[in-house]
Amino acid sequence: MFAKLKKLININTFYLIGVLLVIMGLAFVIDSPDRFLNPTPQAETEEEDKTPIAVAHQTSSQHFNEEGALDYVFNAEKLEYYQVPEQTTEEGGYLPARDYTLIDKPSVQLFMDVAPWFIESINGKLSEKGELLNLWQDVKIWQTDKKGNTSSLQTEELTIFPREKLVETDKPVKITTPSGEITAIGMIANLNEKRIKLLSNVRGVHDPI
């Protein structure tokens, strides 16, 4: 049973890492000020109520690899770009100027050798000089192969550190494949080492051997 569960995790690790690596590349392309997302988007509610500097609706872009083949497609219902001026806190502290982009319903289609991967969420945010990318609320990653078999990962929040190649969430995750299902609380993915660590409450259900 445990051998089967380990194999299932390894299979999902291989595909998920490929997905997340391309997402990281995407983050450096779609935001011209080269700023990305805050890992705690809820903390900037007051800032996000301000009027954006620029707004784009129904955006779509295609990106090609060095060989000229279609690499991935990015879509969003809306992009809002914000700038926050320098601020002083009540305690006499200092907050530097910064900017960020909010994304409504981001959707990414990644073209792989086997079959394309799809990623979508309700919200996204880009900020912090390209150091962070967050997706949150109903985050889904899935792939359907030529035989019609679907593998997927679901969570409510996903934080990506592009430079360190680290991906993490402290929320529940569910990995589903044709062979079974794995659930856990929290996940850390080290993309350099091609490894996913499920943090706690790991449970697995698989088909009979």
Protein backbone atom coordinates (compact mmCIF):
# COMPACT_ATOMS: atom_id res chain seq x y z
CA MET A 1 0.00 0.00 0.00
CA PHE A 2 2.72 2.49 0.99
CA ALA A 3 4.75 1.60 -2.10
CA LYS A 4 1.72 2.30 -4.24
CA LEU A 5 1.12 5.61 -2.45
CA LYS A 6 4.78 6.64 -2.89
CA LYS A 7 4.61 5.86 -6.58
CA LEU A 8 1.47 7.97 -6.90
CA ILE A 9 3.18 10.92 -5.21
CA ASN A 10 6.23 10.60 -7.49
CA ILE A 11 4.06 10.60 -10.61
CA ASN A 12 2.27 13.76 -9.54
CA THR A 13 5.54 15.37 -8.45
CA PHE A 14 7.02 15.00 -11.94
CA TYR A 15 4.10 16.63 -13.70
CA LEU A 16 3.37 19.29 -11.08
CA ILE A 17 6.96 20.55 -11.11
CA GLY A 18 6.78 21.06 -14.87
CA VAL A 19 3.59 23.07 -14.46
CA LEU A 20 4.98 25.31 -11.72
CA LEU A 21 8.23 26.02 -13.57
CA VAL A 22 6.29 27.42 -16.53
CA ILE A 23 4.07 29.47 -14.23
CA MET A 24 7.20 31.07 -12.82
CA GLY A 25 8.32 31.97 -16.33
CA LEU A 26 4.88 33.45 -16.97
CA ALA A 27 5.17 35.76 -13.98
CA PHE A 28 8.14 37.56 -15.51
CA VAL A 29 6.32 38.23 -18.81
CA ILE A 30 2.80 39.45 -18.09
CA ASP A 31 3.62 42.37 -15.79
CA SER A 32 5.61 45.15 -17.49
CA PRO A 33 6.75 46.89 -14.26
CA ASP A 34 8.38 43.59 -13.30
CA ARG A 35 6.57 43.50 -9.94
CA PHE A 36 4.69 40.57 -8.53
CA LEU A 37 2.48 39.23 -5.85
CA ASN A 38 2.12 39.52 -2.09
CA PRO A 39 1.95 36.19 -0.24
CA THR A 40 -0.87 37.51 1.95
CA PRO A 41 -3.22 39.28 -0.48
CA GLN A 42 -5.88 39.87 2.17
CA ALA A 43 -3.51 42.23 4.05
CA GLU A 44 -3.77 44.98 1.41
CA THR A 45 -7.55 45.43 1.36
CA GLU A 46 -7.34 49.22 1.78
CA GLU A 47 -4.81 49.57 -1.03
CA GLU A 48 -6.86 47.42 -3.35
CA ASP A 49 -9.86 49.74 -2.89
CA LYS A 50 -7.91 52.54 -4.61
CA THR A 51 -8.28 53.35 -8.28
CA PRO A 52 -5.85 51.34 -10.44
CA ILE A 53 -3.34 53.09 -12.68
CA ALA A 54 -4.29 50.85 -15.62
CA VAL A 55 -6.95 48.23 -16.34
CA ALA A 56 -7.11 45.60 -19.09
CA HIS A 57 -10.13 43.39 -19.80
CA GLN A 58 -10.33 39.97 -21.47
CA THR A 59 -6.58 39.69 -21.93
CA SER A 60 -4.99 36.83 -23.84
CA SER A 61 -1.40 36.18 -24.86
CA GLN A 62 0.48 33.37 -26.57
CA HIS A 63 4.10 32.54 -25.77
CA PHE A 64 6.47 30.49 -27.91
CA ASN A 65 9.65 28.59 -27.09
CA GLU A 66 13.05 29.03 -28.77
CA GLU A 67 12.10 26.50 -31.45
CA GLY A 68 9.02 28.54 -32.37
CA ALA A 69 6.50 26.07 -30.94
CA LEU A 70 3.59 27.25 -28.82
CA ASP A 71 4.70 27.02 -25.19
CA TYR A 72 1.76 28.36 -23.19
CA VAL A 73 -1.31 30.59 -23.38
CA PHE A 74 -2.32 33.05 -20.64
CA ASN A 75 -5.81 34.48 -20.24
CA ALA A 76 -7.45 36.72 -17.64
CA GLU A 77 -10.81 38.38 -17.34
CA LYS A 78 -9.21 41.51 -15.92
CA LEU A 79 -5.80 42.94 -14.94
CA GLU A 80 -5.55 45.93 -12.58
CA TYR A 81 -2.22 47.67 -12.03
CA TYR A 82 -1.74 49.64 -8.78
CA GLN A 83 0.97 51.93 -7.46
CA VAL A 84 1.37 52.60 -3.73
CA PRO A 85 3.37 55.73 -2.76
CA GLU A 86 5.83 55.97 0.09
CA GLN A 87 4.13 55.86 3.48
CA THR A 88 4.96 56.47 7.13
CA THR A 89 3.39 54.36 9.84
CA GLU A 90 1.84 55.54 13.11
CA GLU A 91 4.92 54.19 14.89
CA GLY A 92 7.18 56.41 12.81
CA GLY A 93 8.25 53.61 10.48
CA TYR A 94 8.65 53.83 6.72
CA LEU A 95 7.04 51.87 3.91
CA PRO A 96 8.72 52.23 0.49
CA ALA A 97 6.78 52.82 -2.71
CA ARG A 98 5.66 49.66 -4.47
CA ASP A 99 3.33 48.42 -7.17
CA TYR A 100 1.38 45.28 -7.94
CA THR A 101 -1.15 43.80 -10.36
CA LEU A 102 -4.39 42.09 -9.40
CA ILE A 103 -5.74 39.38 -11.70
CA ASP A 104 -9.36 38.27 -12.05
CA LYS A 105 -9.76 34.64 -13.08
CA PRO A 106 -6.26 33.88 -14.38
CA SER A 107 -6.08 30.87 -16.67
CA VAL A 108 -3.00 29.21 -18.13
CA GLN A 109 -2.72 26.44 -20.71
CA LEU A 110 0.71 24.80 -20.82
CA PHE A 111 1.70 22.73 -23.84
CA MET A 112 3.71 19.66 -22.83
CA ASP A 113 5.11 16.67 -24.73
CA VAL A 114 2.37 14.34 -23.51
CA ALA A 115 -0.70 16.56 -23.11
CA PRO A 116 -1.36 20.18 -22.11
CA TRP A 117 -1.76 21.24 -18.48
CA PHE A 118 -4.39 23.74 -17.37
CA ILE A 119 -4.15 26.08 -14.36
CA GLU A 120 -6.84 28.42 -13.13
CA SER A 121 -8.01 30.26 -10.02
CA ILE A 122 -10.49 32.94 -9.08
CA ASN A 123 -7.83 35.49 -8.10
CA GLY A 124 -4.16 36.20 -8.60
CA LYS A 125 -1.71 38.92 -7.68
CA LEU A 126 1.72 39.97 -8.91
CA SER A 127 4.08 42.17 -6.84
CA GLU A 128 7.29 42.40 -4.81
CA LYS A 129 9.73 42.99 -7.70
CA GLY A 130 9.06 39.58 -9.21
CA GLU A 131 9.88 37.71 -6.01
CA LEU A 132 6.40 36.32 -5.37
CA LEU A 133 3.42 35.03 -7.31
CA ASN A 134 0.18 34.05 -5.57
CA LEU A 135 -2.94 32.38 -6.83
CA TRP A 136 -5.87 31.99 -4.46
CA GLN A 137 -9.47 30.85 -4.21
CA ASP A 138 -10.28 27.61 -5.98
CA VAL A 139 -6.82 26.97 -7.46
CA LYS A 140 -6.87 24.05 -9.89
CA ILE A 141 -4.14 22.33 -11.92
CA TRP A 142 -5.07 19.45 -14.20
CA GLN A 143 -4.09 17.40 -17.25
CA THR A 144 -6.03 14.94 -19.39
CA ASP A 145 -3.98 12.43 -21.40
CA LYS A 146 -4.76 10.95 -24.80
CA LYS A 147 -6.67 8.10 -23.14
CA GLY A 148 -8.97 10.51 -21.36
CA ASN A 149 -7.40 10.03 -17.91
CA THR A 150 -7.22 13.19 -15.80
CA SER A 151 -4.68 14.04 -13.06
CA SER A 152 -5.28 17.13 -10.93
CA LEU A 153 -4.26 19.16 -7.88
CA GLN A 154 -6.61 21.43 -5.95
CA THR A 155 -5.94 23.94 -3.18
CA GLU A 156 -7.20 27.34 -2.02
CA GLU A 157 -3.90 29.23 -2.07
CA LEU A 158 -0.56 28.76 -3.81
CA THR A 159 2.55 30.87 -3.13
CA ILE A 160 5.44 30.74 -5.58
CA PHE A 161 8.99 32.05 -4.96
CA PRO A 162 10.44 32.28 -8.50
CA ARG A 163 14.12 32.83 -7.68
CA GLU A 164 14.34 30.11 -5.05
CA LYS A 165 12.17 27.76 -7.13
CA LEU A 166 10.01 27.06 -4.08
CA VAL A 167 6.26 26.58 -4.08
CA GLU A 168 4.18 26.28 -0.95
CA THR A 169 0.79 26.41 0.67
CA ASP A 170 -0.42 25.88 4.21
CA LYS A 171 -3.91 25.06 2.98
CA PRO A 172 -5.43 21.63 2.31
CA VAL A 173 -4.33 20.06 -0.97
CA LYS A 174 -5.86 17.23 -2.93
CA ILE A 175 -4.00 15.30 -5.63
CA THR A 176 -6.14 13.07 -7.81
CA THR A 177 -4.97 10.58 -10.46
CA PRO A 178 -6.62 7.65 -12.23
CA SER A 179 -4.91 5.41 -9.64
CA GLY A 180 -6.25 7.15 -6.53
CA GLU A 181 -6.33 10.26 -4.38
CA ILE A 182 -3.99 11.92 -1.86
CA THR A 183 -4.99 14.66 0.58
CA ALA A 184 -2.81 16.65 2.97
CA ILE A 185 -2.56 19.90 4.91
CA GLY A 186 0.23 22.03 3.50
CA MET A 187 2.74 21.41 0.74
CA ILE A 188 6.26 22.58 -0.10
CA ALA A 189 7.73 21.91 -3.54
CA ASN A 190 11.46 22.34 -4.15
CA LEU A 191 11.67 22.62 -7.91
CA ASN A 192 15.47 22.54 -8.03
CA GLU A 193 15.45 19.16 -6.31
CA LYS A 194 12.23 18.06 -8.05
CA ARG A 195 10.61 17.12 -4.77
CA ILE A 196 7.23 17.72 -3.15
CA LYS A 197 6.76 17.49 0.60
CA LEU A 198 3.27 17.07 2.00
CA LEU A 199 3.38 18.63 5.46
CA SER A 200 0.72 16.96 7.61
CA ASN A 201 -2.43 14.87 7.73
CA VAL A 202 -1.40 12.92 4.63
CA ARG A 203 -4.05 10.44 3.55
CA GLY A 204 -4.19 8.25 0.46
CA VAL A 205 -6.81 6.16 -1.28
CA HIS A 206 -5.89 4.00 -4.26
CA ASP A 207 -7.36 1.32 -6.47
CA PRO A 208 -6.92 -2.30 -5.34
CA ILE A 209 -3.56 -3.75 -6.37
